[in-house]
Amino acid sequence: MADRAVPNLPSRSFDDTVAFYRGFGFEERFRDGGWLILARGGIELEFFLAPEHDPYASWFMTSVRVVDLDALYAAVRASGVPERDSGIPRLVPVALREWGQRAGFLIDPDGTQLHLIESPA
């Protein structure tokens, strides 16, 4: 297996986290009493159980780099996550960002910000 790094993100409820991410193609790969792993293609996210976590005070974030950003964004949008400027969960539309790449943002129900970034093919 190649070297890799995987984000560890908070989840107040594994059932709610699975339901949210399943809506746009993530599948449960592992779960026990304190740990959850979800995957969609080559994207893997790991969650630790944190029932006391305050999503409005969350500082957790991760970058998700994909070749087909438009397809991922469309899948998230089709799952019912609203595009808006505030609130949780929410989507911030894809645009060319000041750092020179196209990116959008997803804030999940636990307040984690996922930077959805287009990777070169």
PDB file of N, CA and C in Angstrom:
ATOM      1  N   MET A   1       0.834  -1.176   0.000  1.00  0.00           N
ATOM      2  CA  MET A   1       0.000   0.000   0.000  1.00  0.00           C
ATOM      3  C   MET A   1       0.887   1.250   0.000  1.00  0.00           C
ATOM      4  N   ALA A   2       0.477   2.246  -0.756  1.00  0.00           N
ATOM      5  CA  ALA A   2       1.225   3.501  -0.818  1.00  0.00           C
ATOM      6  C   ALA A   2       1.044   4.292   0.475  1.00  0.00           C
ATOM      7  N   ASP A   3       2.019   5.136   0.781  1.00  0.00           N
ATOM      8  CA  ASP A   3       1.885   6.037   1.922  1.00  0.00           C
ATOM      9  C   ASP A   3       0.706   6.965   1.671  1.00  0.00           C
ATOM     10  N   ARG A   4       0.035   7.361   2.745  1.00  0.00           N
ATOM     11  CA  ARG A   4      -1.094   8.273   2.598  1.00  0.00           C
ATOM     12  C   ARG A   4      -1.416   8.914   3.932  1.00  0.00           C
ATOM     13  N   ALA A   5      -2.174   9.968   3.885  1.00  0.00           N
ATOM     14  CA  ALA A   5      -2.676  10.629   5.083  1.00  0.00           C
ATOM     15  C   ALA A   5      -4.195  10.711   4.949  1.00  0.00           C
ATOM     16  N   VAL A   6      -4.899  10.528   6.049  1.00  0.00           N
ATOM     17  CA  VAL A   6      -6.358  10.553   6.035  1.00  0.00           C
ATOM     18  C   VAL A   6      -6.831  11.465   7.163  1.00  0.00           C
ATOM     19  N   PRO A   7      -7.750  12.393   6.861  1.00  0.00           N
ATOM     20  CA  PRO A   7      -8.235  13.288   7.911  1.00  0.00           C
ATOM     21  C   PRO A   7      -9.043  12.532   8.962  1.00  0.00           C
ATOM     22  N   ASN A   8      -8.989  13.009  10.190  1.00  0.00           N
ATOM     23  CA  ASN A   8      -9.787  12.478  11.294  1.00  0.00           C
ATOM     24  C   ASN A   8     -10.732  13.590  11.712  1.00  0.00           C
ATOM     25  N   LEU A   9     -12.024  13.377  11.513  1.00  0.00           N
ATOM     26  CA  LEU A   9     -13.020  14.423  11.667  1.00  0.00           C
ATOM     27  C   LEU A   9     -14.037  14.049  12.736  1.00  0.00           C
ATOM     28  N   PRO A  10     -14.652  15.044  13.395  1.00  0.00           N
ATOM     29  CA  PRO A  10     -15.623  14.750  14.443  1.00  0.00           C
ATOM     30  C   PRO A  10     -16.984  14.343  13.882  1.00  0.00           C
ATOM     31  N   SER A  11     -17.654  13.485  14.616  1.00  0.00           N
ATOM     32  CA  SER A  11     -19.029  13.099  14.306  1.00  0.00           C
ATOM     33  C   SER A  11     -19.805  13.032  15.610  1.00  0.00           C
ATOM     34  N   ARG A  12     -20.894  13.772  15.689  1.00  0.00           N
ATOM     35  CA  ARG A  12     -21.731  13.694  16.887  1.00  0.00           C
ATOM     36  C   ARG A  12     -22.563  12.423  16.888  1.00  0.00           C
ATOM     37  N   SER A  13     -22.836  11.869  15.706  1.00  0.00           N
ATOM     38  CA  SER A  13     -23.623  10.650  15.565  1.00  0.00           C
ATOM     39  C   SER A  13     -23.169   9.931  14.305  1.00  0.00           C
ATOM     40  N   PHE A  14     -22.647   8.729  14.451  1.00  0.00           N
ATOM     41  CA  PHE A  14     -22.212   7.982  13.272  1.00  0.00           C
ATOM     42  C   PHE A  14     -23.379   7.715  12.323  1.00  0.00           C
ATOM     43  N   ASP A  15     -24.568   7.419  12.856  1.00  0.00           N
ATOM     44  CA  ASP A  15     -25.713   7.177  11.979  1.00  0.00           C
ATOM     45  C   ASP A  15     -26.020   8.405  11.130  1.00  0.00           C
ATOM     46  N   ASP A  16     -26.002   9.589  11.744  1.00  0.00           N
ATOM     47  CA  ASP A  16     -26.274  10.823  10.999  1.00  0.00           C
ATOM     48  C   ASP A  16     -25.170  11.117   9.984  1.00  0.00           C
ATOM     49  N   THR A  17     -23.918  10.868  10.357  1.00  0.00           N
ATOM     50  CA  THR A  17     -22.800  11.101   9.435  1.00  0.00           C
ATOM     51  C   THR A  17     -22.900  10.180   8.230  1.00  0.00           C
ATOM     52  N   VAL A  18     -23.180   8.903   8.462  1.00  0.00           N
ATOM     53  CA  VAL A  18     -23.327   7.952   7.355  1.00  0.00           C
ATOM     54  C   VAL A  18     -24.475   8.387   6.448  1.00  0.00           C
ATOM     55  N   ALA A  19     -25.611   8.756   7.015  1.00  0.00           N
ATOM     56  CA  ALA A  19     -26.763   9.161   6.211  1.00  0.00           C
ATOM     57  C   ALA A  19     -26.435  10.380   5.351  1.00  0.00           C
ATOM     58  N   PHE A  20     -25.741  11.356   5.920  1.00  0.00           N
ATOM     59  CA  PHE A  20     -25.384  12.567   5.172  1.00  0.00           C
ATOM     60  C   PHE A  20     -24.456  12.239   4.010  1.00  0.00           C
ATOM     61  N   TYR A  21     -23.348  11.586   4.273  1.00  0.00           N
ATOM     62  CA  TYR A  21     -22.351  11.320   3.238  1.00  0.00           C
ATOM     63  C   TYR A  21     -22.817  10.263   2.237  1.00  0.00           C
ATOM     64  N   ARG A  22     -23.656   9.330   2.669  1.00  0.00           N
ATOM     65  CA  ARG A  22     -24.189   8.321   1.749  1.00  0.00           C
ATOM     66  C   ARG A  22     -25.018   9.001   0.656  1.00  0.00           C
ATOM     67  N   GLY A  23     -25.624  10.131   0.989  1.00  0.00           N
ATOM     68  CA  GLY A  23     -26.446  10.854   0.028  1.00  0.00           C
ATOM     69  C   GLY A  23     -25.714  11.243  -1.235  1.00  0.00           C
ATOM     70  N   PHE A  24     -24.398  11.336  -1.176  1.00  0.00           N
ATOM     71  CA  PHE A  24     -23.635  11.669  -2.386  1.00  0.00           C
ATOM     72  C   PHE A  24     -22.505  10.680  -2.634  1.00  0.00           C
ATOM     73  N   GLY A  25     -22.765   9.419  -2.313  1.00  0.00           N
ATOM     74  CA  GLY A  25     -21.914   8.344  -2.805  1.00  0.00           C
ATOM     75  C   GLY A  25     -20.884   7.750  -1.881  1.00  0.00           C
ATOM     76  N   PHE A  26     -20.789   8.185  -0.627  1.00  0.00           N
ATOM     77  CA  PHE A  26     -19.838   7.567   0.287  1.00  0.00           C
ATOM     78  C   PHE A  26     -20.427   6.279   0.851  1.00  0.00           C
ATOM     79  N   GLU A  27     -19.565   5.308   1.057  1.00  0.00           N
ATOM     80  CA  GLU A  27     -19.971   4.020   1.623  1.00  0.00           C
ATOM     81  C   GLU A  27     -19.224   3.773   2.918  1.00  0.00           C
ATOM     82  N   GLU A  28     -19.907   3.105   3.813  1.00  0.00           N
ATOM     83  CA  GLU A  28     -19.286   2.760   5.094  1.00  0.00           C
ATOM     84  C   GLU A  28     -18.305   1.609   4.888  1.00  0.00           C
ATOM     85  N   ARG A  29     -17.052   1.812   5.297  1.00  0.00           N
ATOM     86  CA  ARG A  29     -16.024   0.781   5.179  1.00  0.00           C
ATOM     87  C   ARG A  29     -15.697   0.141   6.521  1.00  0.00           C
ATOM     88  N   PHE A  30     -15.879   0.905   7.614  1.00  0.00           N
ATOM     89  CA  PHE A  30     -15.563   0.382   8.944  1.00  0.00           C
ATOM     90  C   PHE A  30     -16.325   1.200   9.973  1.00  0.00           C
ATOM     91  N   ARG A  31     -16.761   0.491  11.035  1.00  0.00           N
ATOM     92  CA  ARG A  31     -17.363   1.191  12.165  1.00  0.00           C
ATOM     93  C   ARG A  31     -17.214   0.332  13.410  1.00  0.00           C
ATOM     94  N   ASP A  32     -16.817   0.989  14.498  1.00  0.00           N
ATOM     95  CA  ASP A  32     -16.883   0.365  15.808  1.00  0.00           C
ATOM     96  C   ASP A  32     -17.459   1.412  16.761  1.00  0.00           C
ATOM     97  N   GLY A  33     -17.303   1.262  18.038  1.00  0.00           N
ATOM     98  CA  GLY A  33     -17.902   2.171  18.994  1.00  0.00           C
ATOM     99  C   GLY A  33     -17.378   3.588  18.957  1.00  0.00           C
ATOM    100  N   GLY A  34     -16.171   3.800  18.425  1.00  0.00           N
ATOM    101  CA  GLY A  34     -15.591   5.135  18.451  1.00  0.00           C
ATOM    102  C   GLY A  34     -14.986   5.608  17.152  1.00  0.00           C
ATOM    103  N   TRP A  35     -15.051   4.768  16.103  1.00  0.00           N
ATOM    104  CA  TRP A  35     -14.378   5.116  14.853  1.00  0.00           C
ATOM    105  C   TRP A  35     -15.233   4.723  13.663  1.00  0.00           C
ATOM    106  N   LEU A  36     -15.216   5.572  12.614  1.00  0.00           N
ATOM    107  CA  LEU A  36     -15.995   5.339  11.402  1.00  0.00           C
ATOM    108  C   LEU A  36     -15.132   5.706  10.205  1.00  0.00           C
ATOM    109  N   ILE A  37     -15.146   4.864   9.180  1.00  0.00           N
ATOM    110  CA  ILE A  37     -14.437   5.155   7.934  1.00  0.00           C
ATOM    111  C   ILE A  37     -15.441   5.116   6.790  1.00  0.00           C
ATOM    112  N   LEU A  38     -15.462   6.203   6.006  1.00  0.00           N
ATOM    113  CA  LEU A  38     -16.310   6.309   4.822  1.00  0.00           C
ATOM    114  C   LEU A  38     -15.420   6.507   3.608  1.00  0.00           C
ATOM    115  N   ALA A  39     -15.860   5.980   2.458  1.00  0.00           N
ATOM    116  CA  ALA A  39     -15.068   6.114   1.235  1.00  0.00           C
ATOM    117  C   ALA A  39     -15.986   6.322   0.040  1.00  0.00           C
ATOM    118  N   ARG A  40     -15.459   7.070  -0.915  1.00  0.00           N
ATOM    119  CA  ARG A  40     -16.111   7.299  -2.212  1.00  0.00           C
ATOM    120  C   ARG A  40     -14.997   7.273  -3.232  1.00  0.00           C
ATOM    121  N   GLY A  41     -14.911   6.206  -4.019  1.00  0.00           N
ATOM    122  CA  GLY A  41     -13.785   6.064  -4.940  1.00  0.00           C
ATOM    123  C   GLY A  41     -12.497   6.091  -4.149  1.00  0.00           C
ATOM    124  N   GLY A  42     -11.568   6.973  -4.517  1.00  0.00           N
ATOM    125  CA  GLY A  42     -10.290   7.076  -3.824  1.00  0.00           C
ATOM    126  C   GLY A  42     -10.292   8.021  -2.632  1.00  0.00           C
ATOM    127  N   ILE A  43     -11.450   8.610  -2.314  1.00  0.00           N
ATOM    128  CA  ILE A  43     -11.550   9.534  -1.178  1.00  0.00           C
ATOM    129  C   ILE A  43     -11.911   8.740   0.069  1.00  0.00           C
ATOM    130  N   GLU A  44     -11.154   8.929   1.122  1.00  0.00           N
ATOM    131  CA  GLU A  44     -11.449   8.257   2.388  1.00  0.00           C
ATOM    132  C   GLU A  44     -11.466   9.288   3.510  1.00  0.00           C
ATOM    133  N   LEU A  45     -12.516   9.250   4.323  1.00  0.00           N
ATOM    134  CA  LEU A  45     -12.658  10.126   5.480  1.00  0.00           C
ATOM    135  C   LEU A  45     -12.836   9.257   6.715  1.00  0.00           C
ATOM    136  N   GLU A  46     -12.146   9.613   7.788  1.00  0.00           N
ATOM    137  CA  GLU A  46     -12.276   8.883   9.043  1.00  0.00           C
ATOM    138  C   GLU A  46     -12.854   9.822  10.088  1.00  0.00           C
ATOM    139  N   PHE A  47     -13.779   9.294  10.890  1.00  0.00           N
ATOM    140  CA  PHE A  47     -14.481  10.086  11.892  1.00  0.00           C
ATOM    141  C   PHE A  47     -14.313   9.463  13.263  1.00  0.00           C
ATOM    142  N   PHE A  48     -14.159  10.317  14.262  1.00  0.00           N
ATOM    143  CA  PHE A  48     -14.156   9.866  15.650  1.00  0.00           C
ATOM    144  C   PHE A  48     -15.455  10.348  16.293  1.00  0.00           C
ATOM    145  N   LEU A  49     -15.980   9.553  17.218  1.00  0.00           N
ATOM    146  CA  LEU A  49     -17.232   9.890  17.876  1.00  0.00           C
ATOM    147  C   LEU A  49     -17.005  11.019  18.865  1.00  0.00           C
ATOM    148  N   ALA A  50     -17.784  12.101  18.715  1.00  0.00           N
ATOM    149  CA  ALA A  50     -17.656  13.283  19.564  1.00  0.00           C
ATOM    150  C   ALA A  50     -19.050  13.859  19.814  1.00  0.00           C
ATOM    151  N   PRO A  51     -19.863  13.193  20.625  1.00  0.00           N
ATOM    152  CA  PRO A  51     -21.247  13.644  20.811  1.00  0.00           C
ATOM    153  C   PRO A  51     -21.376  15.047  21.398  1.00  0.00           C
ATOM    154  N   GLU A  52     -20.358  15.529  22.092  1.00  0.00           N
ATOM    155  CA  GLU A  52     -20.397  16.857  22.709  1.00  0.00           C
ATOM    156  C   GLU A  52     -19.906  17.965  21.777  1.00  0.00           C
ATOM    157  N   HIS A  53     -19.470  17.619  20.581  1.00  0.00           N
ATOM    158  CA  HIS A  53     -18.906  18.571  19.621  1.00  0.00           C
ATOM    159  C   HIS A  53     -19.940  19.634  19.231  1.00  0.00           C
ATOM    160  N   ASP A  54     -19.529  20.901  19.215  1.00  0.00           N
ATOM    161  CA  ASP A  54     -20.386  22.011  18.805  1.00  0.00           C
ATOM    162  C   ASP A  54     -20.058  22.371  17.355  1.00  0.00           C
ATOM    163  N   PRO A  55     -20.947  22.070  16.409  1.00  0.00           N
ATOM    164  CA  PRO A  55     -20.639  22.345  14.999  1.00  0.00           C
ATOM    165  C   PRO A  55     -20.448  23.832  14.697  1.00  0.00           C
ATOM    166  N   TYR A  56     -21.042  24.705  15.497  1.00  0.00           N
ATOM    167  CA  TYR A  56     -20.912  26.138  15.244  1.00  0.00           C
ATOM    168  C   TYR A  56     -19.608  26.714  15.790  1.00  0.00           C
ATOM    169  N   ALA A  57     -18.880  25.917  16.549  1.00  0.00           N
ATOM    170  CA  ALA A  57     -17.566  26.329  17.051  1.00  0.00           C
ATOM    171  C   ALA A  57     -16.450  25.501  16.410  1.00  0.00           C
ATOM    172  N   SER A  58     -16.804  24.676  15.425  1.00  0.00           N
ATOM    173  CA  SER A  58     -15.845  23.751  14.826  1.00  0.00           C
ATOM    174  C   SER A  58     -14.769  24.478  14.031  1.00  0.00           C
ATOM    175  N   TRP A  59     -13.549  23.985  14.145  1.00  0.00           N
ATOM    176  CA  TRP A  59     -12.425  24.491  13.352  1.00  0.00           C
ATOM    177  C   TRP A  59     -11.849  23.374  12.490  1.00  0.00           C
ATOM    178  N   PHE A  60     -12.536  22.226  12.423  1.00  0.00           N
ATOM    179  CA  PHE A  60     -12.059  21.102  11.626  1.00  0.00           C
ATOM    180  C   PHE A  60     -12.254  21.390  10.142  1.00  0.00           C
ATOM    181  N   MET A  61     -11.259  20.995   9.339  1.00  0.00           N
ATOM    182  CA  MET A  61     -11.351  21.140   7.892  1.00  0.00           C
ATOM    183  C   MET A  61     -10.421  20.140   7.218  1.00  0.00           C
ATOM    184  N   THR A  62     -10.721  19.879   5.965  1.00  0.00           N
ATOM    185  CA  THR A  62      -9.882  19.011   5.156  1.00  0.00           C
ATOM    186  C   THR A  62     -10.041  19.399   3.689  1.00  0.00           C
ATOM    187  N   SER A  63      -9.058  19.061   2.889  1.00  0.00           N
ATOM    188  CA  SER A  63      -9.130  19.280   1.443  1.00  0.00           C
ATOM    189  C   SER A  63      -9.438  17.966   0.764  1.00  0.00           C
ATOM    190  N   VAL A  64     -10.360  18.006  -0.181  1.00  0.00           N
ATOM    191  CA  VAL A  64     -10.723  16.846  -0.986  1.00  0.00           C
ATOM    192  C   VAL A  64     -10.421  17.228  -2.427  1.00  0.00           C
ATOM    193  N   ARG A  65      -9.396  16.621  -2.990  1.00  0.00           N
ATOM    194  CA  ARG A  65      -8.951  16.955  -4.343  1.00  0.00           C
ATOM    195  C   ARG A  65      -9.431  15.873  -5.308  1.00  0.00           C
ATOM    196  N   VAL A  66     -10.181  16.291  -6.320  1.00  0.00           N
ATOM    197  CA  VAL A  66     -10.760  15.357  -7.278  1.00  0.00           C
ATOM    198  C   VAL A  66     -10.562  15.856  -8.706  1.00  0.00           C
ATOM    199  N   VAL A  67     -10.482  14.925  -9.636  1.00  0.00           N
ATOM    200  CA  VAL A  67     -10.344  15.274 -11.044  1.00  0.00           C
ATOM    201  C   VAL A  67     -11.657  15.843 -11.577  1.00  0.00           C
ATOM    202  N   ASP A  68     -12.793  15.227 -11.213  1.00  0.00           N
ATOM    203  CA  ASP A  68     -14.089  15.688 -11.707  1.00  0.00           C
ATOM    204  C   ASP A  68     -14.844  16.422 -10.595  1.00  0.00           C
ATOM    205  N   LEU A  69     -14.421  17.649 -10.343  1.00  0.00           N
ATOM    206  CA  LEU A  69     -15.023  18.472  -9.297  1.00  0.00           C
ATOM    207  C   LEU A  69     -16.496  18.721  -9.569  1.00  0.00           C
ATOM    208  N   ASP A  70     -16.842  18.966 -10.822  1.00  0.00           N
ATOM    209  CA  ASP A  70     -18.233  19.279 -11.145  1.00  0.00           C
ATOM    210  C   ASP A  70     -19.158  18.103 -10.820  1.00  0.00           C
ATOM    211  N   ALA A  71     -18.712  16.880 -11.055  1.00  0.00           N
ATOM    212  CA  ALA A  71     -19.533  15.702 -10.751  1.00  0.00           C
ATOM    213  C   ALA A  71     -19.722  15.547  -9.242  1.00  0.00           C
ATOM    214  N   LEU A  72     -18.655  15.728  -8.460  1.00  0.00           N
ATOM    215  CA  LEU A  72     -18.787  15.625  -7.006  1.00  0.00           C
ATOM    216  C   LEU A  72     -19.708  16.714  -6.485  1.00  0.00           C
ATOM    217  N   TYR A  73     -19.512  17.938  -6.932  1.00  0.00           N
ATOM    218  CA  TYR A  73     -20.342  19.052  -6.469  1.00  0.00           C
ATOM    219  C   TYR A  73     -21.810  18.807  -6.816  1.00  0.00           C
ATOM    220  N   ALA A  74     -22.063  18.344  -8.036  1.00  0.00           N
ATOM    221  CA  ALA A  74     -23.435  18.071  -8.464  1.00  0.00           C
ATOM    222  C   ALA A  74     -24.066  16.972  -7.610  1.00  0.00           C
ATOM    223  N   ALA A  75     -23.294  15.958  -7.244  1.00  0.00           N
ATOM    224  CA  ALA A  75     -23.817  14.876  -6.408  1.00  0.00           C
ATOM    225  C   ALA A  75     -24.187  15.392  -5.020  1.00  0.00           C
ATOM    226  N   VAL A  76     -23.335  16.246  -4.460  1.00  0.00           N
ATOM    227  CA  VAL A  76     -23.636  16.824  -3.142  1.00  0.00           C
ATOM    228  C   VAL A  76     -24.884  17.688  -3.236  1.00  0.00           C
ATOM    229  N   ARG A  77     -24.960  18.520  -4.259  1.00  0.00           N
ATOM    230  CA  ARG A  77     -26.120  19.403  -4.451  1.00  0.00           C
ATOM    231  C   ARG A  77     -27.391  18.588  -4.633  1.00  0.00           C
ATOM    232  N   ALA A  78     -27.325  17.526  -5.437  1.00  0.00           N
ATOM    233  CA  ALA A  78     -28.498  16.682  -5.690  1.00  0.00           C
ATOM    234  C   ALA A  78     -28.973  15.963  -4.424  1.00  0.00           C
ATOM    235  N   SER A  79     -28.078  15.789  -3.457  1.00  0.00           N
ATOM    236  CA  SER A  79     -28.461  15.120  -2.212  1.00  0.00           C
ATOM    237  C   SER A  79     -29.293  16.026  -1.315  1.00  0.00           C
ATOM    238  N   GLY A  80     -29.394  17.306  -1.685  1.00  0.00           N
ATOM    239  CA  GLY A  80     -30.219  18.226  -0.918  1.00  0.00           C
ATOM    240  C   GLY A  80     -29.467  19.232  -0.076  1.00  0.00           C
ATOM    241  N   VAL A  81     -28.133  19.212  -0.122  1.00  0.00           N
ATOM    242  CA  VAL A  81     -27.366  20.196   0.635  1.00  0.00           C
ATOM    243  C   VAL A  81     -27.549  21.551  -0.045  1.00  0.00           C
ATOM    244  N   PRO A  82     -28.032  22.556   0.687  1.00  0.00           N
ATOM    245  CA  PRO A  82     -28.327  23.847   0.056  1.00  0.00           C
ATOM    246  C   PRO A  82     -27.091  24.698  -0.195  1.00  0.00           C
ATOM    247  N   GLU A  83     -27.135  25.457  -1.279  1.00  0.00           N
ATOM    248  CA  GLU A  83     -26.122  26.479  -1.542  1.00  0.00           C
ATOM    249  C   GLU A  83     -26.569  27.734  -0.796  1.00  0.00           C
ATOM    250  N   ARG A  84     -25.753  28.178   0.139  1.00  0.00           N
ATOM    251  CA  ARG A  84     -26.077  29.381   0.899  1.00  0.00           C
ATOM    252  C   ARG A  84     -24.821  29.909   1.571  1.00  0.00           C
ATOM    253  N   ASP A  85     -24.919  31.129   2.104  1.00  0.00           N
ATOM    254  CA  ASP A  85     -23.769  31.796   2.704  1.00  0.00           C
ATOM    255  C   ASP A  85     -23.553  31.450   4.162  1.00  0.00           C
ATOM    256  N   SER A  86     -24.564  30.937   4.833  1.00  0.00           N
ATOM    257  CA  SER A  86     -24.428  30.588   6.242  1.00  0.00           C
ATOM    258  C   SER A  86     -25.309  29.397   6.542  1.00  0.00           C
ATOM    259  N   GLY A  87     -25.142  28.860   7.733  1.00  0.00           N
ATOM    260  CA  GLY A  87     -25.920  27.700   8.145  1.00  0.00           C
ATOM    261  C   GLY A  87     -25.146  26.416   7.952  1.00  0.00           C
ATOM    262  N   ILE A  88     -25.639  25.387   8.609  1.00  0.00           N
ATOM    263  CA  ILE A  88     -25.013  24.066   8.583  1.00  0.00           C
ATOM    264  C   ILE A  88     -26.114  23.038   8.348  1.00  0.00           C
ATOM    265  N   PRO A  89     -25.977  22.155   7.385  1.00  0.00           N
ATOM    266  CA  PRO A  89     -24.908  22.059   6.383  1.00  0.00           C
ATOM    267  C   PRO A  89     -25.137  23.081   5.273  1.00  0.00           C
ATOM    268  N   ARG A  90     -24.113  23.253   4.445  1.00  0.00           N
ATOM    269  CA  ARG A  90     -24.238  24.153   3.305  1.00  0.00           C
ATOM    270  C   ARG A  90     -23.141  23.887   2.282  1.00  0.00           C
ATOM    271  N   LEU A  91     -23.390  24.397   1.077  1.00  0.00           N
ATOM    272  CA  LEU A  91     -22.432  24.359  -0.023  1.00  0.00           C
ATOM    273  C   LEU A  91     -22.110  25.779  -0.449  1.00  0.00           C
ATOM    274  N   VAL A  92     -20.860  26.018  -0.766  1.00  0.00           N
ATOM    275  CA  VAL A  92     -20.428  27.279  -1.369  1.00  0.00           C
ATOM    276  C   VAL A  92     -20.019  26.916  -2.798  1.00  0.00           C
ATOM    277  N   PRO A  93     -20.614  27.560  -3.799  1.00  0.00           N
ATOM    278  CA  PRO A  93     -20.406  27.156  -5.191  1.00  0.00           C
ATOM    279  C   PRO A  93     -18.939  27.135  -5.637  1.00  0.00           C
ATOM    280  N   VAL A  94     -18.707  26.314  -6.638  1.00  0.00           N
ATOM    281  CA  VAL A  94     -17.388  26.204  -7.264  1.00  0.00           C
ATOM    282  C   VAL A  94     -17.086  27.505  -7.996  1.00  0.00           C
ATOM    283  N   ALA A  95     -15.860  27.978  -7.825  1.00  0.00           N
ATOM    284  CA  ALA A  95     -15.392  29.185  -8.515  1.00  0.00           C
ATOM    285  C   ALA A  95     -13.875  29.114  -8.620  1.00  0.00           C
ATOM    286  N   LEU A  96     -13.319  29.927  -9.485  1.00  0.00           N
ATOM    287  CA  LEU A  96     -11.864  30.049  -9.558  1.00  0.00           C
ATOM    288  C   LEU A  96     -11.434  30.848  -8.336  1.00  0.00           C
ATOM    289  N   ARG A  97     -10.615  30.258  -7.496  1.00  0.00           N
ATOM    290  CA  ARG A  97     -10.210  30.884  -6.235  1.00  0.00           C
ATOM    291  C   ARG A  97      -8.928  31.680  -6.417  1.00  0.00           C
ATOM    292  N   GLU A  98      -8.649  32.530  -5.454  1.00  0.00           N
ATOM    293  CA  GLU A  98      -7.490  33.426  -5.531  1.00  0.00           C
ATOM    294  C   GLU A  98      -6.170  32.679  -5.634  1.00  0.00           C
ATOM    295  N   TRP A  99      -6.121  31.428  -5.229  1.00  0.00           N
ATOM    296  CA  TRP A  99      -4.882  30.653  -5.321  1.00  0.00           C
ATOM    297  C   TRP A  99      -4.727  29.978  -6.678  1.00  0.00           C
ATOM    298  N   GLY A 100      -5.700  30.205  -7.605  1.00  0.00           N
ATOM    299  CA  GLY A 100      -5.544  29.747  -8.980  1.00  0.00           C
ATOM    300  C   GLY A 100      -6.197  28.429  -9.326  1.00  0.00           C
ATOM    301  N   GLN A 101      -6.975  27.841  -8.425  1.00  0.00           N
ATOM    302  CA  GLN A 101      -7.656  26.579  -8.712  1.00  0.00           C
ATOM    303  C   GLN A 101      -9.154  26.760  -8.526  1.00  0.00           C
ATOM    304  N   ARG A 102      -9.916  25.922  -9.236  1.00  0.00           N
ATOM    305  CA  ARG A 102     -11.356  25.893  -9.028  1.00  0.00           C
ATOM    306  C   ARG A 102     -11.646  25.102  -7.753  1.00  0.00           C
ATOM    307  N   ALA A 103     -12.525  25.646  -6.931  1.00  0.00           N
ATOM    308  CA  ALA A 103     -12.874  24.973  -5.682  1.00  0.00           C
ATOM    309  C   ALA A 103     -14.244  25.437  -5.197  1.00  0.00           C
ATOM    310  N   GLY A 104     -14.897  24.563  -4.477  1.00  0.00           N
ATOM    311  CA  GLY A 104     -16.127  24.869  -3.754  1.00  0.00           C
ATOM    312  C   GLY A 104     -15.914  24.409  -2.322  1.00  0.00           C
ATOM    313  N   PHE A 105     -16.901  24.631  -1.495  1.00  0.00           N
ATOM    314  CA  PHE A 105     -16.780  24.252  -0.092  1.00  0.00           C
ATOM    315  C   PHE A 105     -18.051  23.566   0.371  1.00  0.00           C
ATOM    316  N   LEU A 106     -17.889  22.557   1.193  1.00  0.00           N
ATOM    317  CA  LEU A 106     -18.993  21.848   1.824  1.00  0.00           C
ATOM    318  C   LEU A 106     -18.802  21.948   3.326  1.00  0.00           C
ATOM    319  N   ILE A 107     -19.821  22.387   4.022  1.00  0.00           N
ATOM    320  CA  ILE A 107     -19.820  22.356   5.482  1.00  0.00           C
ATOM    321  C   ILE A 107     -20.773  21.240   5.871  1.00  0.00           C
ATOM    322  N   ASP A 108     -20.267  20.227   6.565  1.00  0.00           N
ATOM    323  CA  ASP A 108     -21.100  19.077   6.912  1.00  0.00           C
ATOM    324  C   ASP A 108     -21.914  19.365   8.181  1.00  0.00           C
ATOM    325  N   PRO A 109     -22.817  18.466   8.576  1.00  0.00           N
ATOM    326  CA  PRO A 109     -23.668  18.723   9.745  1.00  0.00           C
ATOM    327  C   PRO A 109     -22.912  18.917  11.061  1.00  0.00           C
ATOM    328  N   ASP A 110     -21.655  18.497  11.118  1.00  0.00           N
ATOM    329  CA  ASP A 110     -20.856  18.675  12.328  1.00  0.00           C
ATOM    330  C   ASP A 110     -19.943  19.898  12.240  1.00  0.00           C
ATOM    331  N   GLY A 111     -20.141  20.719  11.202  1.00  0.00           N
ATOM    332  CA  GLY A 111     -19.387  21.959  11.078  1.00  0.00           C
ATOM    333  C   GLY A 111     -18.025  21.814  10.429  1.00  0.00           C
ATOM    334  N   THR A 112     -17.678  20.627   9.947  1.00  0.00           N
ATOM    335  CA  THR A 112     -16.393  20.432   9.268  1.00  0.00           C
ATOM    336  C   THR A 112     -16.460  21.049   7.878  1.00  0.00           C
ATOM    337  N   GLN A 113     -15.435  21.806   7.517  1.00  0.00           N
ATOM    338  CA  GLN A 113     -15.348  22.404   6.190  1.00  0.00           C
ATOM    339  C   GLN A 113     -14.502  21.514   5.295  1.00  0.00           C
ATOM    340  N   LEU A 114     -15.101  21.053   4.210  1.00  0.00           N
ATOM    341  CA  LEU A 114     -14.375  20.277   3.213  1.00  0.00           C
ATOM    342  C   LEU A 114     -14.127  21.181   2.014  1.00  0.00           C
ATOM    343  N   HIS A 115     -12.859  21.426   1.701  1.00  0.00           N
ATOM    344  CA  HIS A 115     -12.484  22.194   0.518  1.00  0.00           C
ATOM    345  C   HIS A 115     -12.552  21.214  -0.649  1.00  0.00           C
ATOM    346  N   LEU A 116     -13.463  21.421  -1.560  1.00  0.00           N
ATOM    347  CA  LEU A 116     -13.617  20.559  -2.726  1.00  0.00           C
ATOM    348  C   LEU A 116     -12.813  21.201  -3.861  1.00  0.00           C
ATOM    349  N   ILE A 117     -11.669  20.631  -4.162  1.00  0.00           N
ATOM    350  CA  ILE A 117     -10.688  21.262  -5.047  1.00  0.00           C
ATOM    351  C   ILE A 117     -10.481  20.418  -6.299  1.00  0.00           C
ATOM    352  N   GLU A 118     -10.486  21.086  -7.454  1.00  0.00           N
ATOM    353  CA  GLU A 118     -10.235  20.402  -8.714  1.00  0.00           C
ATOM    354  C   GLU A 118      -8.753  20.104  -8.871  1.00  0.00           C
ATOM    355  N   SER A 119      -8.447  18.828  -9.111  1.00  0.00           N
ATOM    356  CA  SER A 119      -7.062  18.417  -9.351  1.00  0.00           C
ATOM    357  C   SER A 119      -6.854  18.268 -10.849  1.00  0.00           C
ATOM    358  N   PRO A 120      -5.664  18.586 -11.326  1.00  0.00           N
ATOM    359  CA  PRO A 120      -5.387  18.356 -12.742  1.00  0.00           C
ATOM    360  C   PRO A 120      -5.494  16.868 -13.061  1.00  0.00           C
ATOM    361  N   ALA A 121      -5.971  16.569 -14.259  1.00  0.00           N
ATOM    362  CA  ALA A 121      -6.122  15.165 -14.686  1.00  0.00           C
ATOM    363  C   ALA A 121      -4.776  14.492 -14.798  1.00  0.00           C
TER     364      ALA A 121
END
